Amino acid sequence: MASQMITGLEVGDVAKYVFLCGEPERVPRIADGFSDAKEVARHREFWVYTGKLGGTPVTAASTGIGGPSAAILIEELANLGSDTFIRIGTSGAIADGLEKGDFVISTGAIRADGTTRSYAWPEFPAAANHEVVVALVAAAKKMKARFDVGVCLSVDGFYSENKVISGGKLAPMSGSGYMPSFMDHRLEDAKKMGAKNMEMENGTIFTLGSLFGLRTGAICTVSDVVPWHPTEKVLDFEKNMADCIKVGIEGMRNLMAMDSAKAGSKFWSPSFE
């Protein structure tokens, strides 16, 4: 295939190492950390820039919102040789103790989406790659960021899955007021299962990563708490996202260093000597 069906990307347009984000306008913000950055594609929700990080080619690309478009992008980037992905995204906090502006590094995702069901059994795990998780944790510690690590809840329905506190009671976010009974305790159950945050792409990215032999991981800022309700903390979102991008870029630098240290080995491991 001369060019990819949806994005129009071609061989040579993208790098092995890729940053993913949902919002197209975030792509040039990530690429500001590159040298020699240039736009290589802009089609629908998919904006793609390629440049260099410390002399190594890297790419930043937007998935749009949700699993279907994320799957399309992962498929087409993998076709062109990309194999390492860090998602820099937004999310709603579920776990106690998380505040607006905190970061969550995901080790895996509860697959509450529809896209991954077209790829794998419901029992198939959506797991982040351990090397990406370690690289991001090291980066967050180095940057002295407030962060947590754990499983996320990955969903398809933004309005159907999110809830608000109204009059002291849990209410649907949907303007229609629609909330079937099976959704009544969904967030409560996810919290009991240990979910740290809720977002819309990690489950797809992690699942396809495992199926296709790709390294995937994610760091998401907490842009709101779930159920949505007023909080005393006011978030400077632009600064917070800039800090999240810095952690993600440092995480990718760590992965590059880990790859150099493998010396022919398939897997990186820490030295305990």
Protein backbone atom coordinates (compact mmCIF):
# COMPACT_ATOMS: atom_id res chain seq x y z
CA MET A 1 0.00 0.00 0.00
CA ALA A 2 1.55 3.30 -1.14
CA SER A 3 -0.20 5.30 1.57
CA GLN A 4 -2.34 4.44 4.57
CA MET A 5 -6.06 4.31 3.89
CA ILE A 6 -7.31 6.87 6.43
CA THR A 7 -4.36 9.09 7.41
CA GLY A 8 -2.61 9.06 4.05
CA LEU A 9 0.71 8.53 5.83
CA GLU A 10 3.54 6.88 3.91
CA VAL A 11 6.77 5.07 4.71
CA GLY A 12 9.27 7.56 6.10
CA ASP A 13 6.62 9.90 7.51
CA VAL A 14 6.65 8.53 11.05
CA ALA A 15 9.18 7.29 13.58
CA LYS A 16 9.59 4.22 15.77
CA TYR A 17 8.88 6.32 18.88
CA VAL A 18 5.44 7.99 18.99
CA PHE A 19 3.61 10.33 21.34
CA LEU A 20 -0.18 10.04 21.20
CA CYS A 21 -2.79 12.55 22.34
CA GLY A 22 -6.50 12.93 21.80
CA GLU A 23 -6.72 16.61 20.93
CA PRO A 24 -5.23 17.53 17.52
CA GLU A 25 -4.14 20.96 18.77
CA ARG A 26 -1.95 19.25 21.39
CA VAL A 27 0.23 17.70 18.68
CA PRO A 28 2.19 20.89 17.84
CA ARG A 29 2.55 21.55 21.58
CA ILE A 30 4.24 18.18 22.01
CA ALA A 31 6.31 18.78 18.87
CA ASP A 32 7.60 22.04 20.37
CA GLY A 33 9.90 19.75 22.36
CA PHE A 34 11.36 18.30 19.15
CA SER A 35 14.06 19.65 16.88
CA ASP A 36 13.37 19.88 13.13
CA ALA A 37 9.65 19.26 13.69
CA LYS A 38 7.36 19.32 10.67
CA GLU A 39 3.75 18.45 9.95
CA VAL A 40 3.46 15.29 7.86
CA ALA A 41 -0.32 14.75 7.90
CA ARG A 42 -3.56 16.51 8.81
CA HIS A 43 -6.68 14.52 7.98
CA ARG A 44 -9.90 14.46 10.00
CA GLU A 45 -8.91 14.10 13.67
CA PHE A 46 -5.44 12.87 12.80
CA TRP A 47 -2.68 15.50 13.00
CA VAL A 48 0.84 14.10 12.74
CA TYR A 49 4.21 15.82 13.28
CA THR A 50 7.65 14.22 13.05
CA GLY A 51 10.96 15.59 14.32
CA LYS A 52 13.88 14.54 16.50
CA LEU A 53 14.49 14.12 20.20
CA GLY A 54 18.17 14.12 21.05
CA GLY A 55 18.89 13.23 17.45
CA THR A 56 16.45 10.29 17.38
CA PRO A 57 13.39 10.51 15.12
CA VAL A 58 10.08 10.84 16.99
CA THR A 59 6.46 11.43 16.02
CA ALA A 60 3.47 13.08 17.72
CA ALA A 61 -0.02 12.15 16.53
CA SER A 62 -3.60 12.75 17.63
CA THR A 63 -6.13 9.94 17.99
CA GLY A 64 -9.26 12.02 18.33
CA ILE A 65 -11.79 10.94 20.96
CA GLY A 66 -12.34 7.30 21.84
CA GLY A 67 -11.37 3.81 20.79
CA PRO A 68 -12.45 3.57 17.13
CA SER A 69 -10.26 6.42 15.89
CA ALA A 70 -7.42 5.42 18.23
CA ALA A 71 -7.47 1.91 16.74
CA ILE A 72 -7.29 3.29 13.20
CA LEU A 73 -4.25 5.38 14.04
CA ILE A 74 -2.44 2.57 15.88
CA GLU A 75 -3.09 0.20 12.95
CA GLU A 76 -1.69 2.63 10.39
CA LEU A 77 1.30 3.75 12.45
CA ALA A 78 2.21 0.11 13.17
CA ASN A 79 1.99 -0.61 9.45
CA LEU A 80 4.68 2.03 8.94
CA GLY A 81 7.06 0.70 11.60
CA SER A 82 6.10 2.61 14.76
CA ASP A 83 6.38 0.32 17.78
CA THR A 84 6.67 2.44 20.93
CA PHE A 85 3.81 4.66 22.09
CA ILE A 86 3.31 7.04 25.01
CA ARG A 87 -0.13 8.59 25.34
CA ILE A 88 -0.30 12.05 26.96
CA GLY A 89 -3.94 12.59 27.83
CA THR A 90 -6.65 13.85 30.14
CA SER A 91 -8.84 11.93 32.55
CA GLY A 92 -11.27 12.14 35.44
CA ALA A 93 -10.07 11.00 38.86
CA ILE A 94 -11.93 8.13 40.52
CA ALA A 95 -9.61 7.12 43.39
CA ASP A 96 -9.57 8.98 46.69
CA GLY A 97 -6.60 11.28 47.15
CA LEU A 98 -6.27 12.30 43.50
CA GLU A 99 -6.70 16.00 42.81
CA LYS A 100 -7.00 18.17 39.73
CA GLY A 101 -3.56 18.49 38.17
CA ASP A 102 -2.23 15.16 39.44
CA PHE A 103 -0.90 12.66 36.90
CA VAL A 104 -1.86 8.99 36.58
CA ILE A 105 0.48 6.49 34.91
CA SER A 106 -1.61 3.51 33.85
CA THR A 107 -0.47 -0.07 34.28
CA GLY A 108 -3.57 -1.40 32.55
CA ALA A 109 -7.17 -0.63 31.70
CA ILE A 110 -10.60 -2.01 32.54
CA ARG A 111 -11.98 -2.61 29.05
CA ALA A 112 -15.39 -0.96 29.32
CA ASP A 113 -15.31 -0.01 25.65
CA GLY A 114 -16.67 -1.52 22.47
CA THR A 115 -13.71 -1.22 20.12
CA THR A 116 -11.51 -3.85 21.78
CA ARG A 117 -14.32 -6.40 21.63
CA SER A 118 -13.85 -6.43 17.87
CA TYR A 119 -10.21 -7.44 18.43
CA ALA A 120 -10.12 -9.82 21.40
CA TRP A 121 -12.12 -11.86 23.89
CA PRO A 122 -13.62 -9.93 26.83
CA GLU A 123 -11.16 -11.79 29.09
CA PHE A 124 -8.10 -10.51 27.20
CA PRO A 125 -6.21 -8.01 29.38
CA ALA A 126 -5.46 -4.44 28.37
CA ALA A 127 -1.97 -4.11 29.84
CA ALA A 128 0.56 -1.33 29.40
CA ASN A 129 4.09 -2.39 28.57
CA HIS A 130 6.25 -2.66 31.70
CA GLU A 131 9.17 -0.77 30.14
CA VAL A 132 6.96 2.22 29.30
CA VAL A 133 5.49 2.23 32.81
CA VAL A 134 8.96 2.18 34.40
CA ALA A 135 10.18 4.94 32.06
CA LEU A 136 7.24 7.18 32.92
CA VAL A 137 7.50 6.57 36.68
CA ALA A 138 11.19 7.49 36.58
CA ALA A 139 10.37 10.63 34.59
CA ALA A 140 7.60 11.71 36.96
CA LYS A 141 9.88 11.23 39.96
CA LYS A 142 12.67 13.20 38.29
CA MET A 143 10.26 16.06 37.50
CA LYS A 144 8.93 15.95 41.08
CA ALA A 145 5.37 15.60 39.81
CA ARG A 146 2.37 14.55 41.92
CA PHE A 147 1.36 11.23 40.42
CA ASP A 148 -0.15 7.82 41.06
CA VAL A 149 0.17 4.50 39.26
CA GLY A 150 -2.49 1.89 38.59
CA VAL A 151 -5.40 0.67 36.52
CA CYS A 152 -7.74 3.02 34.67
CA LEU A 153 -11.36 2.66 33.56
CA SER A 154 -11.47 2.98 29.77
CA VAL A 155 -14.91 3.79 28.37
CA ASP A 156 -16.68 4.77 25.16
CA GLY A 157 -19.60 6.88 26.41
CA PHE A 158 -18.47 10.29 27.67
CA TYR A 159 -21.95 11.42 28.73
CA SER A 160 -23.33 8.00 29.61
CA GLU A 161 -20.39 6.97 31.82
CA ASN A 162 -19.75 10.31 33.53
CA LYS A 163 -21.90 11.40 36.43
CA VAL A 164 -22.45 14.66 38.32
CA ILE A 165 -23.38 15.53 41.90
CA SER A 166 -26.66 17.42 41.79
CA GLY A 167 -28.54 18.34 44.95
CA GLY A 168 -26.26 16.03 46.89
CA LYS A 169 -27.23 13.07 44.74
CA LEU A 170 -25.60 11.18 41.88
CA ALA A 171 -27.15 12.19 38.57
CA PRO A 172 -26.46 11.44 34.91
CA MET A 173 -24.38 13.92 32.94
CA SER A 174 -26.56 13.38 29.89
CA GLY A 175 -28.84 16.33 29.31
CA SER A 176 -31.71 13.96 28.70
CA GLY A 177 -31.39 12.63 32.25
CA TYR A 178 -31.12 9.11 30.87
CA MET A 179 -29.36 6.63 33.15
CA PRO A 180 -30.36 2.93 33.06
CA SER A 181 -30.30 0.99 36.29
CA PHE A 182 -27.21 -1.01 35.30
CA MET A 183 -25.24 2.27 35.37
CA ASP A 184 -26.31 3.23 38.90
CA HIS A 185 -23.29 1.76 40.71
CA ARG A 186 -20.81 1.53 37.85
CA LEU A 187 -18.40 4.22 39.11
CA GLU A 188 -18.67 2.91 42.66
CA ASP A 189 -17.81 -0.59 41.45
CA ALA A 190 -14.85 0.66 39.39
CA LYS A 191 -13.55 2.51 42.44
CA LYS A 192 -13.84 -0.66 44.54
CA MET A 193 -11.86 -2.50 41.86
CA GLY A 194 -9.04 0.00 42.33
CA ALA A 195 -9.50 2.13 39.21
CA LYS A 196 -7.51 5.34 39.56
CA ASN A 197 -9.10 7.35 36.77
CA MET A 198 -11.47 7.24 33.82
CA GLU A 199 -10.60 8.00 30.19
CA MET A 200 -11.46 6.86 26.68
CA GLU A 201 -8.43 5.56 24.76
CA ASN A 202 -6.05 3.55 26.96
CA GLY A 203 -7.99 0.29 26.75
CA THR A 204 -7.77 0.29 22.96
CA ILE A 205 -4.14 1.41 22.82
CA PHE A 206 -2.99 -1.18 25.37
CA THR A 207 -4.99 -4.03 23.81
CA LEU A 208 -3.70 -3.39 20.31
CA GLY A 209 -0.21 -2.99 21.73
CA SER A 210 -0.28 -6.50 23.17
CA LEU A 211 -1.89 -8.00 20.08
CA PHE A 212 0.56 -6.39 17.66
CA GLY A 213 3.73 -6.65 19.76
CA LEU A 214 3.99 -2.90 20.43
CA ARG A 215 5.15 -1.10 23.56
CA THR A 216 2.38 1.14 24.87
CA GLY A 217 1.81 3.25 27.95
CA ALA A 218 0.04 6.38 29.10
CA ILE A 219 0.25 9.31 31.45
CA CYS A 220 -2.95 11.29 31.93
CA THR A 221 -3.52 14.46 33.88
CA VAL A 222 -6.52 14.68 36.18
CA SER A 223 -8.53 17.45 34.55
CA ASP A 224 -11.60 16.77 36.71
CA VAL A 225 -12.84 14.48 39.45
CA VAL A 226 -15.60 11.93 38.89
CA PRO A 227 -18.48 12.30 39.67
CA TRP A 228 -18.10 15.89 38.45
CA HIS A 229 -18.62 18.48 41.17
CA PRO A 230 -17.15 21.86 42.15
CA THR A 231 -13.79 21.68 43.91
CA GLU A 232 -11.78 24.27 45.78
CA LYS A 233 -8.75 23.64 43.59
CA VAL A 234 -8.64 25.73 40.42
CA LEU A 235 -6.51 24.16 37.71
CA ASP A 236 -4.36 26.09 35.28
CA PHE A 237 -4.95 23.50 32.58
CA GLU A 238 -2.49 24.87 30.01
CA LYS A 239 0.41 24.88 32.48
CA ASN A 240 -0.62 21.51 33.84
CA MET A 241 -0.73 19.96 30.38
CA ALA A 242 2.65 21.52 29.56
CA ASP A 243 4.05 19.77 32.65
CA CYS A 244 2.42 16.48 31.62
CA ILE A 245 4.02 16.78 28.19
CA LYS A 246 7.42 17.37 29.81
CA VAL A 247 7.04 14.17 31.85
CA GLY A 248 6.00 12.26 28.73
CA ILE A 249 8.98 13.51 26.75
CA GLU A 250 11.34 12.66 29.60
CA GLY A 251 9.74 9.20 29.70
CA MET A 252 10.50 8.72 26.02
CA ARG A 253 14.11 9.78 26.60
CA ASN A 254 14.26 7.09 29.28
CA LEU A 255 12.94 4.48 26.83
CA MET A 256 15.58 5.45 24.29
CA ALA A 257 18.27 5.07 26.94
CA MET A 258 16.84 1.71 27.99
CA ASP A 259 16.89 0.52 24.39
CA SER A 260 20.54 1.54 24.06
CA ALA A 261 21.36 -0.37 27.24
CA LYS A 262 19.78 -3.62 26.04
CA ALA A 263 22.92 -4.52 24.09
CA GLY A 264 21.11 -6.99 21.88
CA SER A 265 18.76 -8.32 24.55
CA LYS A 266 15.04 -8.33 23.78
CA PHE A 267 14.06 -7.00 27.20
CA TRP A 268 15.41 -4.27 29.45
CA SER A 269 15.74 -4.96 33.17
CA PRO A 270 17.11 -2.87 36.04
CA SER A 271 20.47 -3.73 37.53
CA PHE A 272 20.41 -4.85 41.15
CA GLU A 273 24.16 -5.36 41.37
